[in-house]
Amino acid sequence: MPSVEDDELEIPELRPEWFELAVQPNRRGLRRGAKRAVFVDDEIAKRFGSDDELEQALRALLQASDHVRKTG
């Protein structure tokens, strides 16, 4: 049940100034792991028998796009 104390806990509106002053992560300090999470639709996932097959397909796509970019 709401009380007077709860009314004082309202979240203030976030204004552009807040975003400008918000702490930004040190991008140079972030580590890049060997693996990343990838979210795909169920329709796409169903086309592959395993995560390994899906990963191979993504790698092949990246190689093809690199080739197109270099020759394109």
PDB file of N, CA and C in Angstrom:
ATOM      1  N   MET A   1       0.853  -1.177   0.000  1.00  0.00           N
ATOM      2  CA  MET A   1       0.000   0.000   0.000  1.00  0.00           C
ATOM      3  C   MET A   1       0.897   1.238   0.000  1.00  0.00           C
ATOM      4  N   PRO A   2       0.669   2.178  -0.917  1.00  0.00           N
ATOM      5  CA  PRO A   2       1.501   3.382  -0.992  1.00  0.00           C
ATOM      6  C   PRO A   2       1.377   4.227   0.259  1.00  0.00           C
ATOM      7  N   SER A   3       2.459   4.899   0.601  1.00  0.00           N
ATOM      8  CA  SER A   3       2.453   5.801   1.741  1.00  0.00           C
ATOM      9  C   SER A   3       3.103   7.117   1.333  1.00  0.00           C
ATOM     10  N   VAL A   4       3.097   8.069   2.246  1.00  0.00           N
ATOM     11  CA  VAL A   4       3.703   9.376   1.995  1.00  0.00           C
ATOM     12  C   VAL A   4       5.198   9.213   1.737  1.00  0.00           C
ATOM     13  N   GLU A   5       5.830   8.285   2.454  1.00  0.00           N
ATOM     14  CA  GLU A   5       7.267   8.051   2.264  1.00  0.00           C
ATOM     15  C   GLU A   5       7.566   7.565   0.851  1.00  0.00           C
ATOM     16  N   ASP A   6       6.681   6.743   0.298  1.00  0.00           N
ATOM     17  CA  ASP A   6       6.878   6.238  -1.061  1.00  0.00           C
ATOM     18  C   ASP A   6       6.818   7.361  -2.083  1.00  0.00           C
ATOM     19  N   ASP A   7       6.006   8.382  -1.821  1.00  0.00           N
ATOM     20  CA  ASP A   7       5.882   9.505  -2.750  1.00  0.00           C
ATOM     21  C   ASP A   7       7.206  10.250  -2.890  1.00  0.00           C
ATOM     22  N   GLU A   8       8.025  10.236  -1.876  1.00  0.00           N
ATOM     23  CA  GLU A   8       9.307  10.922  -1.923  1.00  0.00           C
ATOM     24  C   GLU A   8      10.345  10.152  -2.722  1.00  0.00           C
ATOM     25  N   LEU A   9      10.054   8.922  -3.056  1.00  0.00           N
ATOM     26  CA  LEU A   9      11.004   8.082  -3.773  1.00  0.00           C
ATOM     27  C   LEU A   9      10.776   8.087  -5.288  1.00  0.00           C
ATOM     28  N   GLU A  10      10.075   9.077  -5.798  1.00  0.00           N
ATOM     29  CA  GLU A  10       9.819   9.135  -7.234  1.00  0.00           C
ATOM     30  C   GLU A  10      11.127   9.272  -7.997  1.00  0.00           C
ATOM     31  N   ILE A  11      11.187   8.627  -9.124  1.00  0.00           N
ATOM     32  CA  ILE A  11      12.381   8.706  -9.969  1.00  0.00           C
ATOM     33  C   ILE A  11      12.295   9.990 -10.795  1.00  0.00           C
ATOM     34  N   PRO A  12      13.336  10.826 -10.731  1.00  0.00           N
ATOM     35  CA  PRO A  12      13.287  12.075 -11.495  1.00  0.00           C
ATOM     36  C   PRO A  12      13.382  11.810 -12.992  1.00  0.00           C
ATOM     37  N   GLU A  13      12.890  12.742 -13.763  1.00  0.00           N
ATOM     38  CA  GLU A  13      12.968  12.650 -15.220  1.00  0.00           C
ATOM     39  C   GLU A  13      14.433  12.766 -15.652  1.00  0.00           C
ATOM     40  N   LEU A  14      14.838  11.905 -16.553  1.00  0.00           N
ATOM     41  CA  LEU A  14      16.210  11.968 -17.051  1.00  0.00           C
ATOM     42  C   LEU A  14      16.266  12.973 -18.195  1.00  0.00           C
ATOM     43  N   ARG A  15      17.081  13.965 -18.011  1.00  0.00           N
ATOM     44  CA  ARG A  15      17.221  15.025 -19.009  1.00  0.00           C
ATOM     45  C   ARG A  15      18.528  14.832 -19.770  1.00  0.00           C
ATOM     46  N   PRO A  16      18.684  15.488 -20.910  1.00  0.00           N
ATOM     47  CA  PRO A  16      19.929  15.359 -21.685  1.00  0.00           C
ATOM     48  C   PRO A  16      21.182  15.673 -20.872  1.00  0.00           C
ATOM     49  N   GLU A  17      21.093  16.596 -19.916  1.00  0.00           N
ATOM     50  CA  GLU A  17      22.240  16.938 -19.088  1.00  0.00           C
ATOM     51  C   GLU A  17      22.726  15.735 -18.285  1.00  0.00           C
ATOM     52  N   TRP A  18      21.786  14.907 -17.832  1.00  0.00           N
ATOM     53  CA  TRP A  18      22.162  13.735 -17.060  1.00  0.00           C
ATOM     54  C   TRP A  18      23.028  12.810 -17.905  1.00  0.00           C
ATOM     55  N   PHE A  19      22.614  12.600 -19.164  1.00  0.00           N
ATOM     56  CA  PHE A  19      23.362  11.709 -20.041  1.00  0.00           C
ATOM     57  C   PHE A  19      24.743  12.274 -20.360  1.00  0.00           C
ATOM     58  N   GLU A  20      24.850  13.584 -20.474  1.00  0.00           N
ATOM     59  CA  GLU A  20      26.138  14.205 -20.752  1.00  0.00           C
ATOM     60  C   GLU A  20      27.102  14.039 -19.584  1.00  0.00           C
ATOM     61  N   LEU A  21      26.572  14.020 -18.365  1.00  0.00           N
ATOM     62  CA  LEU A  21      27.410  13.923 -17.184  1.00  0.00           C
ATOM     63  C   LEU A  21      27.577  12.486 -16.669  1.00  0.00           C
ATOM     64  N   ALA A  22      26.865  11.544 -17.269  1.00  0.00           N
ATOM     65  CA  ALA A  22      26.942  10.154 -16.812  1.00  0.00           C
ATOM     66  C   ALA A  22      28.342   9.601 -17.060  1.00  0.00           C
ATOM     67  N   VAL A  23      28.765   8.724 -16.185  1.00  0.00           N
ATOM     68  CA  VAL A  23      30.096   8.128 -16.312  1.00  0.00           C
ATOM     69  C   VAL A  23      30.109   7.204 -17.520  1.00  0.00           C
ATOM     70  N   GLN A  24      31.110   7.375 -18.365  1.00  0.00           N
ATOM     71  CA  GLN A  24      31.272   6.536 -19.543  1.00  0.00           C
ATOM     72  C   GLN A  24      32.334   5.480 -19.253  1.00  0.00           C
ATOM     73  N   PRO A  25      32.160   4.266 -19.776  1.00  0.00           N
ATOM     74  CA  PRO A  25      33.174   3.241 -19.532  1.00  0.00           C
ATOM     75  C   PRO A  25      34.467   3.582 -20.265  1.00  0.00           C
ATOM     76  N   ASN A  26      35.568   3.150 -19.705  1.00  0.00           N
ATOM     77  CA  ASN A  26      36.858   3.332 -20.347  1.00  0.00           C
ATOM     78  C   ASN A  26      36.980   2.254 -21.415  1.00  0.00           C
ATOM     79  N   ARG A  27      36.760   2.635 -22.651  1.00  0.00           N
ATOM     80  CA  ARG A  27      36.723   1.659 -23.748  1.00  0.00           C
ATOM     81  C   ARG A  27      38.053   0.926 -23.912  1.00  0.00           C
ATOM     82  N   ARG A  28      39.157   1.590 -23.617  1.00  0.00           N
ATOM     83  CA  ARG A  28      40.454   0.928 -23.736  1.00  0.00           C
ATOM     84  C   ARG A  28      40.630  -0.140 -22.676  1.00  0.00           C
ATOM     85  N   GLY A  29      39.931   0.006 -21.566  1.00  0.00           N
ATOM     86  CA  GLY A  29      40.057  -0.944 -20.475  1.00  0.00           C
ATOM     87  C   GLY A  29      39.150  -2.155 -20.602  1.00  0.00           C
ATOM     88  N   LEU A  30      38.210  -2.109 -21.534  1.00  0.00           N
ATOM     89  CA  LEU A  30      37.294  -3.239 -21.698  1.00  0.00           C
ATOM     90  C   LEU A  30      38.007  -4.387 -22.403  1.00  0.00           C
ATOM     91  N   ARG A  31      37.800  -5.568 -21.918  1.00  0.00           N
ATOM     92  CA  ARG A  31      38.422  -6.736 -22.529  1.00  0.00           C
ATOM     93  C   ARG A  31      37.504  -7.320 -23.580  1.00  0.00           C
ATOM     94  N   ARG A  32      38.109  -7.846 -24.603  1.00  0.00           N
ATOM     95  CA  ARG A  32      37.342  -8.536 -25.628  1.00  0.00           C
ATOM     96  C   ARG A  32      37.621 -10.019 -25.486  1.00  0.00           C
ATOM     97  N   GLY A  33      36.623 -10.763 -25.128  1.00  0.00           N
ATOM     98  CA  GLY A  33      36.784 -12.198 -24.985  1.00  0.00           C
ATOM     99  C   GLY A  33      36.792 -12.889 -26.336  1.00  0.00           C
ATOM    100  N   ALA A  34      37.057 -14.167 -26.308  1.00  0.00           N
ATOM    101  CA  ALA A  34      37.104 -14.942 -27.540  1.00  0.00           C
ATOM    102  C   ALA A  34      35.701 -15.182 -28.103  1.00  0.00           C
ATOM    103  N   LYS A  35      34.701 -15.153 -27.266  1.00  0.00           N
ATOM    104  CA  LYS A  35      33.328 -15.434 -27.708  1.00  0.00           C
ATOM    105  C   LYS A  35      32.411 -14.283 -27.340  1.00  0.00           C
ATOM    106  N   ARG A  36      31.372 -14.102 -28.113  1.00  0.00           N
ATOM    107  CA  ARG A  36      30.342 -13.106 -27.863  1.00  0.00           C
ATOM    108  C   ARG A  36      28.979 -13.774 -27.991  1.00  0.00           C
ATOM    109  N   ALA A  37      28.031 -13.273 -27.268  1.00  0.00           N
ATOM    110  CA  ALA A  37      26.662 -13.773 -27.392  1.00  0.00           C
ATOM    111  C   ALA A  37      26.039 -13.192 -28.651  1.00  0.00           C
ATOM    112  N   VAL A  38      25.336 -14.037 -29.368  1.00  0.00           N
ATOM    113  CA  VAL A  38      24.628 -13.607 -30.568  1.00  0.00           C
ATOM    114  C   VAL A  38      23.193 -14.074 -30.432  1.00  0.00           C
ATOM    115  N   PHE A  39      22.271 -13.168 -30.632  1.00  0.00           N
ATOM    116  CA  PHE A  39      20.858 -13.504 -30.541  1.00  0.00           C
ATOM    117  C   PHE A  39      20.291 -13.591 -31.951  1.00  0.00           C
ATOM    118  N   VAL A  40      19.678 -14.729 -32.250  1.00  0.00           N
ATOM    119  CA  VAL A  40      19.074 -14.927 -33.567  1.00  0.00           C
ATOM    120  C   VAL A  40      17.626 -15.364 -33.380  1.00  0.00           C
ATOM    121  N   ASP A  41      16.834 -15.092 -34.397  1.00  0.00           N
ATOM    122  CA  ASP A  41      15.438 -15.521 -34.371  1.00  0.00           C
ATOM    123  C   ASP A  41      15.376 -17.042 -34.373  1.00  0.00           C
ATOM    124  N   ASP A  42      14.292 -17.573 -33.863  1.00  0.00           N
ATOM    125  CA  ASP A  42      14.097 -19.023 -33.862  1.00  0.00           C
ATOM    126  C   ASP A  42      14.119 -19.593 -35.275  1.00  0.00           C
ATOM    127  N   GLU A  43      13.562 -18.842 -36.229  1.00  0.00           N
ATOM    128  CA  GLU A  43      13.541 -19.299 -37.619  1.00  0.00           C
ATOM    129  C   GLU A  43      14.952 -19.545 -38.134  1.00  0.00           C
ATOM    130  N   ILE A  44      15.855 -18.652 -37.804  1.00  0.00           N
ATOM    131  CA  ILE A  44      17.242 -18.799 -38.241  1.00  0.00           C
ATOM    132  C   ILE A  44      17.900 -19.948 -37.496  1.00  0.00           C
ATOM    133  N   ALA A  45      17.712 -20.022 -36.204  1.00  0.00           N
ATOM    134  CA  ALA A  45      18.333 -21.069 -35.392  1.00  0.00           C
ATOM    135  C   ALA A  45      17.894 -22.465 -35.831  1.00  0.00           C
ATOM    136  N   LYS A  46      16.644 -22.608 -36.263  1.00  0.00           N
ATOM    137  CA  LYS A  46      16.117 -23.912 -36.674  1.00  0.00           C
ATOM    138  C   LYS A  46      16.787 -24.426 -37.945  1.00  0.00           C
ATOM    139  N   ARG A  47      17.406 -23.546 -38.720  1.00  0.00           N
ATOM    140  CA  ARG A  47      18.068 -23.960 -39.957  1.00  0.00           C
ATOM    141  C   ARG A  47      19.379 -24.688 -39.694  1.00  0.00           C
ATOM    142  N   PHE A  48      19.888 -24.604 -38.479  1.00  0.00           N
ATOM    143  CA  PHE A  48      21.168 -25.196 -38.143  1.00  0.00           C
ATOM    144  C   PHE A  48      20.982 -26.270 -37.088  1.00  0.00           C
ATOM    145  N   GLY A  49      21.768 -27.338 -37.193  1.00  0.00           N
ATOM    146  CA  GLY A  49      21.646 -28.457 -36.271  1.00  0.00           C
ATOM    147  C   GLY A  49      22.260 -28.200 -34.913  1.00  0.00           C
ATOM    148  N   SER A  50      23.196 -27.245 -34.855  1.00  0.00           N
ATOM    149  CA  SER A  50      23.863 -26.976 -33.579  1.00  0.00           C
ATOM    150  C   SER A  50      24.398 -25.552 -33.574  1.00  0.00           C
ATOM    151  N   ASP A  51      24.841 -25.119 -32.402  1.00  0.00           N
ATOM    152  CA  ASP A  51      25.457 -23.803 -32.289  1.00  0.00           C
ATOM    153  C   ASP A  51      26.749 -23.731 -33.101  1.00  0.00           C
ATOM    154  N   ASP A  52      27.464 -24.859 -33.159  1.00  0.00           N
ATOM    155  CA  ASP A  52      28.707 -24.885 -33.935  1.00  0.00           C
ATOM    156  C   ASP A  52      28.434 -24.642 -35.419  1.00  0.00           C
ATOM    157  N   GLU A  53      27.372 -25.251 -35.948  1.00  0.00           N
ATOM    158  CA  GLU A  53      27.013 -25.028 -37.354  1.00  0.00           C
ATOM    159  C   GLU A  53      26.649 -23.572 -37.598  1.00  0.00           C
ATOM    160  N   LEU A  54      25.912 -23.002 -36.667  1.00  0.00           N
ATOM    161  CA  LEU A  54      25.534 -21.591 -36.784  1.00  0.00           C
ATOM    162  C   LEU A  54      26.772 -20.705 -36.745  1.00  0.00           C
ATOM    163  N   GLU A  55      27.713 -21.011 -35.854  1.00  0.00           N
ATOM    164  CA  GLU A  55      28.946 -20.231 -35.755  1.00  0.00           C
ATOM    165  C   GLU A  55      29.751 -20.339 -37.049  1.00  0.00           C
ATOM    166  N   GLN A  56      29.823 -21.529 -37.630  1.00  0.00           N
ATOM    167  CA  GLN A  56      30.536 -21.708 -38.892  1.00  0.00           C
ATOM    168  C   GLN A  56      29.894 -20.878 -40.000  1.00  0.00           C
ATOM    169  N   ALA A  57      28.574 -20.845 -40.019  1.00  0.00           N
ATOM    170  CA  ALA A  57      27.871 -20.063 -41.037  1.00  0.00           C
ATOM    171  C   ALA A  57      28.149 -18.561 -40.860  1.00  0.00           C
ATOM    172  N   LEU A  58      28.172 -18.099 -39.624  1.00  0.00           N
ATOM    173  CA  LEU A  58      28.470 -16.694 -39.374  1.00  0.00           C
ATOM    174  C   LEU A  58      29.900 -16.351 -39.783  1.00  0.00           C
ATOM    175  N   ARG A  59      30.834 -17.251 -39.492  1.00  0.00           N
ATOM    176  CA  ARG A  59      32.230 -17.034 -39.905  1.00  0.00           C
ATOM    177  C   ARG A  59      32.337 -16.974 -41.431  1.00  0.00           C
ATOM    178  N   ALA A  60      31.629 -17.872 -42.124  1.00  0.00           N
ATOM    179  CA  ALA A  60      31.643 -17.873 -43.589  1.00  0.00           C
ATOM    180  C   ALA A  60      31.060 -16.569 -44.135  1.00  0.00           C
ATOM    181  N   LEU A  61      30.011 -16.081 -43.506  1.00  0.00           N
ATOM    182  CA  LEU A  61      29.416 -14.806 -43.915  1.00  0.00           C
ATOM    183  C   LEU A  61      30.398 -13.664 -43.742  1.00  0.00           C
ATOM    184  N   LEU A  62      31.113 -13.649 -42.621  1.00  0.00           N
ATOM    185  CA  LEU A  62      32.117 -12.604 -42.390  1.00  0.00           C
ATOM    186  C   LEU A  62      33.238 -12.671 -43.416  1.00  0.00           C
ATOM    187  N   GLN A  63      33.703 -13.880 -43.738  1.00  0.00           N
ATOM    188  CA  GLN A  63      34.756 -14.031 -44.741  1.00  0.00           C
ATOM    189  C   GLN A  63      34.285 -13.546 -46.102  1.00  0.00           C
ATOM    190  N   ALA A  64      33.047 -13.882 -46.462  1.00  0.00           N
ATOM    191  CA  ALA A  64      32.495 -13.447 -47.745  1.00  0.00           C
ATOM    192  C   ALA A  64      32.358 -11.931 -47.788  1.00  0.00           C
ATOM    193  N   SER A  65      31.914 -11.341 -46.693  1.00  0.00           N
ATOM    194  CA  SER A  65      31.751  -9.876 -46.693  1.00  0.00           C
ATOM    195  C   SER A  65      33.107  -9.187 -46.752  1.00  0.00           C
ATOM    196  N   ASP A  66      34.142  -9.758 -46.122  1.00  0.00           N
ATOM    197  CA  ASP A  66      35.495  -9.214 -46.241  1.00  0.00           C
ATOM    198  C   ASP A  66      35.974  -9.264 -47.675  1.00  0.00           C
ATOM    199  N   HIS A  67      35.730 -10.395 -48.343  1.00  0.00           N
ATOM    200  CA  HIS A  67      36.138 -10.551 -49.739  1.00  0.00           C
ATOM    201  C   HIS A  67      35.434  -9.521 -50.622  1.00  0.00           C
ATOM    202  N   VAL A  68      34.141  -9.341 -50.424  1.00  0.00           N
ATOM    203  CA  VAL A  68      33.384  -8.366 -51.217  1.00  0.00           C
ATOM    204  C   VAL A  68      33.896  -6.957 -50.964  1.00  0.00           C
ATOM    205  N   ARG A  69      34.186  -6.635 -49.720  1.00  0.00           N
ATOM    206  CA  ARG A  69      34.675  -5.299 -49.386  1.00  0.00           C
ATOM    207  C   ARG A  69      36.039  -5.047 -50.042  1.00  0.00           C
ATOM    208  N   LYS A  70      36.908  -6.064 -50.024  1.00  0.00           N
ATOM    209  CA  LYS A  70      38.251  -5.895 -50.588  1.00  0.00           C
ATOM    210  C   LYS A  70      38.232  -5.811 -52.109  1.00  0.00           C
ATOM    211  N   THR A  71      37.309  -6.527 -52.754  1.00  0.00           N
ATOM    212  CA  THR A  71      37.273  -6.548 -54.216  1.00  0.00           C
ATOM    213  C   THR A  71      36.269  -5.566 -54.788  1.00  0.00           C
ATOM    214  N   GLY A  72      35.387  -5.085 -53.941  1.00  0.00           N
ATOM    215  CA  GLY A  72      34.256  -4.313 -54.346  1.00  0.00           C
ATOM    216  C   GLY A  72      34.393  -2.967 -54.782  1.00  0.00           C
TER     217      GLY A  72
END
